[in-house]
C-alpha atoms as a PDB file:
ATOM      1  CA  UNK A   1       9.286  13.612  -5.422  1.00  0.00           C
ATOM      2  CA  UNK A   2       6.536  13.364  -7.869  1.00  0.00           C
ATOM      3  CA  UNK A   3       3.475  12.147  -6.792  1.00  0.00           C
ATOM      4  CA  UNK A   4       2.961   8.491  -7.088  1.00  0.00           C
ATOM      5  CA  UNK A   5       0.462   5.934  -8.744  1.00  0.00           C
ATOM      6  CA  UNK A   6       1.013   3.264  -6.271  1.00  0.00           C
ATOM      7  CA  UNK A   7       1.506   3.916  -2.414  1.00  0.00           C
ATOM      8  CA  UNK A   8       3.218   0.549  -0.841  1.00  0.00           C
ATOM      9  CA  UNK A   9       2.975   1.001   2.922  1.00  0.00           C
ATOM     10  CA  UNK A  10       5.355  -1.066   4.930  1.00  0.00           C
ATOM     11  CA  UNK A  11       6.436  -1.381   9.053  1.00  0.00           C
ATOM     12  CA  UNK A  12       8.702  -3.310  10.867  1.00  0.00           C
ATOM     13  CA  UNK A  13       8.030  -7.081  10.481  1.00  0.00           C
ATOM     14  CA  UNK A  14       6.985  -6.849   6.397  1.00  0.00           C
ATOM     15  CA  UNK A  15       6.742  -9.790   3.898  1.00  0.00           C
ATOM     16  CA  UNK A  16      10.153  -8.978   2.157  1.00  0.00           C
ATOM     17  CA  UNK A  17       9.571 -11.149  -1.109  1.00  0.00           C
ATOM     18  CA  UNK A  18       5.911  -9.951  -1.709  1.00  0.00           C
ATOM     19  CA  UNK A  19       6.726  -6.162  -0.547  1.00  0.00           C
ATOM     20  CA  UNK A  20      10.342  -6.283  -3.403  1.00  0.00           C
ATOM     21  CA  UNK A  21       8.323  -8.397  -5.714  1.00  0.00           C
ATOM     22  CA  UNK A  22       5.690  -5.673  -5.951  1.00  0.00           C
ATOM     23  CA  UNK A  23       7.745  -2.929  -6.082  1.00  0.00           C
ATOM     24  CA  UNK A  24       9.819  -3.881  -8.671  1.00  0.00           C
ATOM     25  CA  UNK A  25       7.175  -5.616 -10.811  1.00  0.00           C
ATOM     26  CA  UNK A  26       5.649  -2.236 -10.797  1.00  0.00           C
ATOM     27  CA  UNK A  27       8.126  -0.015 -11.376  1.00  0.00           C
ATOM     28  CA  UNK A  28       9.084  -2.453 -14.194  1.00  0.00           C
ATOM     29  CA  UNK A  29       5.205  -1.591 -15.179  1.00  0.00           C
ATOM     30  CA  UNK A  30       6.203   2.076 -15.638  1.00  0.00           C
ATOM     31  CA  UNK A  31       4.602   3.055 -12.725  1.00  0.00           C
ATOM     32  CA  UNK A  32       5.852   5.399 -10.001  1.00  0.00           C
ATOM     33  CA  UNK A  33       5.631   3.650  -7.093  1.00  0.00           C
ATOM     34  CA  UNK A  34       6.392   4.972  -3.718  1.00  0.00           C
ATOM     35  CA  UNK A  35       7.864   2.442  -0.625  1.00  0.00           C
ATOM     36  CA  UNK A  36       6.116   4.755   2.498  1.00  0.00           C
ATOM     37  CA  UNK A  37       7.124   3.625   6.163  1.00  0.00           C
ATOM     38  CA  UNK A  38       4.857   4.286   9.367  1.00  0.00           C
ATOM     39  CA  UNK A  39       8.400   5.661  10.775  1.00  0.00           C
ATOM     40  CA  UNK A  40      10.973   7.358   8.818  1.00  0.00           C
ATOM     41  CA  UNK A  41      14.209   5.598   8.343  1.00  0.00           C
ATOM     42  CA  UNK A  42      15.170   2.049   7.411  1.00  0.00           C
ATOM     43  CA  UNK A  43      12.013  -0.845   7.904  1.00  0.00           C
ATOM     44  CA  UNK A  44      13.520  -4.706   8.770  1.00  0.00           C
ATOM     45  CA  UNK A  45      11.120  -7.343   7.296  1.00  0.00           C
ATOM     46  CA  UNK A  46      10.592 -10.179   9.602  1.00  0.00           C
ATOM     47  CA  UNK A  47      13.478 -12.109   7.791  1.00  0.00           C
ATOM     48  CA  UNK A  48      15.976  -9.399   8.829  1.00  0.00           C
ATOM     49  CA  UNK A  49      16.537  -7.188   5.527  1.00  0.00           C
ATOM     50  CA  UNK A  50      16.572  -3.756   6.082  1.00  0.00           C
ATOM     51  CA  UNK A  51      15.027  -1.290   3.277  1.00  0.00           C
ATOM     52  CA  UNK A  52      15.144   2.318   2.988  1.00  0.00           C
ATOM     53  CA  UNK A  53      11.591   3.683   2.210  1.00  0.00           C
ATOM     54  CA  UNK A  54      11.361   6.468   0.105  1.00  0.00           C
ATOM     55  CA  UNK A  55       9.481   8.421   2.106  1.00  0.00           C
ATOM     56  CA  UNK A  56       7.493   7.615   5.581  1.00  0.00           C
ATOM     57  CA  UNK A  57       3.911   8.650   6.287  1.00  0.00           C
ATOM     58  CA  UNK A  58       4.942  12.598   7.830  1.00  0.00           C
ATOM     59  CA  UNK A  59       6.093  12.940   4.127  1.00  0.00           C
ATOM     60  CA  UNK A  60       2.832  11.896   2.328  1.00  0.00           C
ATOM     61  CA  UNK A  61       0.659  15.109   3.163  1.00  0.00           C
ATOM     62  CA  UNK A  62       2.658  17.258   0.689  1.00  0.00           C
ATOM     63  CA  UNK A  63       2.602  14.625  -2.099  1.00  0.00           C
ATOM     64  CA  UNK A  64      -1.078  14.498  -2.128  1.00  0.00           C
ATOM     65  CA  UNK A  65      -1.471  17.757  -2.099  1.00  0.00           C
ATOM     66  CA  UNK A  66       0.635  18.086  -5.384  1.00  0.00           C
ATOM     67  CA  UNK A  67      -1.198  15.263  -7.233  1.00  0.00           C
ATOM     68  CA  UNK A  68      -3.095  16.290 -10.143  1.00  0.00           C
ATOM     69  CA  UNK A  69      -7.293  15.920  -8.917  1.00  0.00           C
ATOM     70  CA  UNK A  70      -7.075  13.321 -12.117  1.00  0.00           C
ATOM     71  CA  UNK A  71      -4.774  11.215 -11.161  1.00  0.00           C
ATOM     72  CA  UNK A  72      -5.545   7.376 -10.245  1.00  0.00           C
ATOM     73  CA  UNK A  73      -3.828   6.286  -7.224  1.00  0.00           C
ATOM     74  CA  UNK A  74      -3.680   3.076  -4.732  1.00  0.00           C
ATOM     75  CA  UNK A  75      -2.179   1.933  -1.689  1.00  0.00           C
ATOM     76  CA  UNK A  76      -1.015  -1.110  -1.403  1.00  0.00           C
ATOM     77  CA  UNK A  77      -0.699  -2.569   2.110  1.00  0.00           C
ATOM     78  CA  UNK A  78       2.132  -5.122   2.477  1.00  0.00           C
ATOM     79  CA  UNK A  79       1.870  -8.032   4.354  1.00  0.00           C
ATOM     80  CA  UNK A  80       2.625  -9.635   7.102  1.00  0.00           C
ATOM     81  CA  UNK A  81       0.095  -9.557  10.434  1.00  0.00           C
ATOM     82  CA  UNK A  82       2.456  -8.127  12.525  1.00  0.00           C
ATOM     83  CA  UNK A  83       3.118  -5.029   9.634  1.00  0.00           C
ATOM     84  CA  UNK A  84      -0.719  -4.609   8.863  1.00  0.00           C
ATOM     85  CA  UNK A  85      -1.085  -4.277  12.686  1.00  0.00           C
ATOM     86  CA  UNK A  86       0.897  -1.830  12.991  1.00  0.00           C
ATOM     87  CA  UNK A  87      -0.089  -0.138   9.645  1.00  0.00           C
ATOM     88  CA  UNK A  88      -3.699  -0.254  10.385  1.00  0.00           C
ATOM     89  CA  UNK A  89      -2.992   0.619  14.346  1.00  0.00           C
ATOM     90  CA  UNK A  90      -1.759   4.717  12.691  1.00  0.00           C
ATOM     91  CA  UNK A  91      -4.254   7.062  11.979  1.00  0.00           C
ATOM     92  CA  UNK A  92      -2.243   8.519   9.003  1.00  0.00           C
ATOM     93  CA  UNK A  93      -2.702   5.592   7.460  1.00  0.00           C
ATOM     94  CA  UNK A  94      -6.377   5.938   8.135  1.00  0.00           C
ATOM     95  CA  UNK A  95      -6.021   9.515   6.633  1.00  0.00           C
ATOM     96  CA  UNK A  96      -4.203   8.395   2.967  1.00  0.00           C
ATOM     97  CA  UNK A  97      -6.238   5.524   2.160  1.00  0.00           C
ATOM     98  CA  UNK A  98      -9.283   7.550   2.891  1.00  0.00           C
ATOM     99  CA  UNK A  99      -7.767   9.995   0.678  1.00  0.00           C
ATOM    100  CA  UNK A 100      -7.417   8.451  -1.534  1.00  0.00           C
ATOM    101  CA  UNK A 101     -10.413   5.865  -2.303  1.00  0.00           C
ATOM    102  CA  UNK A 102     -12.058   9.419  -1.167  1.00  0.00           C
ATOM    103  CA  UNK A 103     -10.835  10.548  -4.879  1.00  0.00           C
ATOM    104  CA  UNK A 104     -11.374   7.535  -6.892  1.00  0.00           C
ATOM    105  CA  UNK A 105      -8.558   5.563  -6.154  1.00  0.00           C
ATOM    106  CA  UNK A 106      -8.409   2.419  -4.774  1.00  0.00           C
ATOM    107  CA  UNK A 107      -7.147   0.056  -1.778  1.00  0.00           C
ATOM    108  CA  UNK A 108      -5.305  -3.163  -1.796  1.00  0.00           C
ATOM    109  CA  UNK A 109      -4.198  -5.342   0.627  1.00  0.00           C
ATOM    110  CA  UNK A 110      -1.814  -8.565   1.011  1.00  0.00           C
ATOM    111  CA  UNK A 111      -2.316 -11.393   2.190  1.00  0.00           C
ATOM    112  CA  UNK A 112      -2.981 -11.714   5.832  1.00  0.00           C
ATOM    113  CA  UNK A 113      -4.587  -8.420   5.805  1.00  0.00           C
ATOM    114  CA  UNK A 114      -8.417  -8.627   5.179  1.00  0.00           C
ATOM    115  CA  UNK A 115      -9.317  -9.134   8.202  1.00  0.00           C
ATOM    116  CA  UNK A 116      -7.221  -6.418  10.014  1.00  0.00           C
ATOM    117  CA  UNK A 117      -8.567  -3.555   7.700  1.00  0.00           C
ATOM    118  CA  UNK A 118     -12.099  -5.100   8.273  1.00  0.00           C
ATOM    119  CA  UNK A 119     -11.936  -5.130  12.009  1.00  0.00           C
ATOM    120  CA  UNK A 120     -10.520  -1.438  11.816  1.00  0.00           C
ATOM    121  CA  UNK A 121     -13.500  -0.252   9.593  1.00  0.00           C
ATOM    122  CA  UNK A 122     -11.292   1.189   7.306  1.00  0.00           C
ATOM    123  CA  UNK A 123     -12.899  -0.105   4.394  1.00  0.00           C
ATOM    124  CA  UNK A 124     -16.696   1.506   4.104  1.00  0.00           C
ATOM    125  CA  UNK A 125     -19.065  -0.293   2.015  1.00  0.00           C
ATOM    126  CA  UNK A 126     -19.281   2.093  -0.801  1.00  0.00           C
ATOM    127  CA  UNK A 127     -15.691   1.641  -1.383  1.00  0.00           C
ATOM    128  CA  UNK A 128     -15.918  -2.197  -1.472  1.00  0.00           C
ATOM    129  CA  UNK A 129     -15.611  -2.227  -5.539  1.00  0.00           C
ATOM    130  CA  UNK A 130     -12.621  -0.056  -5.150  1.00  0.00           C
ATOM    131  CA  UNK A 131     -11.021  -2.770  -2.881  1.00  0.00           C
ATOM    132  CA  UNK A 132      -8.623  -5.323  -4.502  1.00  0.00           C
ATOM    133  CA  UNK A 133      -7.285  -8.295  -2.026  1.00  0.00           C
ATOM    134  CA  UNK A 134      -4.628 -11.266  -2.420  1.00  0.00           C
ATOM    135  CA  UNK A 135      -6.902 -14.037  -1.188  1.00  0.00           C
ATOM    136  CA  UNK A 136      -5.852 -16.860   0.061  1.00  0.00           C
ATOM    137  CA  UNK A 137      -3.133 -18.866  -2.341  1.00  0.00           C
ATOM    138  CA  UNK A 138      -3.261 -16.658  -5.019  1.00  0.00           C
ATOM    139  CA  UNK A 139       0.023 -15.939  -6.110  1.00  0.00           C
ATOM    140  CA  UNK A 140       1.212 -12.666  -6.125  1.00  0.00           C
ATOM    141  CA  UNK A 141       2.131 -12.539  -9.285  1.00  0.00           C
ATOM    142  CA  UNK A 142      -1.622 -12.949 -10.128  1.00  0.00           C
ATOM    143  CA  UNK A 143      -2.466 -10.253  -7.630  1.00  0.00           C
ATOM    144  CA  UNK A 144       0.075  -7.677  -9.131  1.00  0.00           C
ATOM    145  CA  UNK A 145      -1.925  -8.418 -12.335  1.00  0.00           C
ATOM    146  CA  UNK A 146      -4.879  -7.022 -10.868  1.00  0.00           C
ATOM    147  CA  UNK A 147      -3.114  -4.279  -9.775  1.00  0.00           C
ATOM    148  CA  UNK A 148      -2.107  -3.738 -13.212  1.00  0.00           C
ATOM    149  CA  UNK A 149      -5.089  -4.339 -15.291  1.00  0.00           C
ATOM    150  CA  UNK A 150      -6.745  -1.984 -12.271  1.00  0.00           C
ATOM    151  CA  UNK A 151      -4.498   0.914 -12.751  1.00  0.00           C
ATOM    152  CA  UNK A 152      -3.891   0.471 -16.588  1.00  0.00           C
END
């Protein structure tokens, strides 16, 4: 597997429409996007849709090691409060985000995740300029365009 440009982290009860839209649009734009779940196997959205992720957090260490040092990467936290809480409770997710940010990458968070990101202390003050947040009322298409512009 090729090291991804973008890692979309998902967990059970993810925001189905937002994740599928991001995954599809970013891949159409030519980015290498990996859908990564907290656990291996299928993951179910809050609307009941099952997705089969490309990898789990357990697989990510090997992919990160093979990424060239100059490769700009982004981690996108899927929306849905339950989903985000599950992701942010996993130390491997913190390790992944910190690894990407330390290498000059980005962290992006869909709606309903910002307060949880703040509460976990995941985002250090010196990384705030590399954090993209889908603000309240911001359409998903606008947010995805911001991601494209940052990585483009």
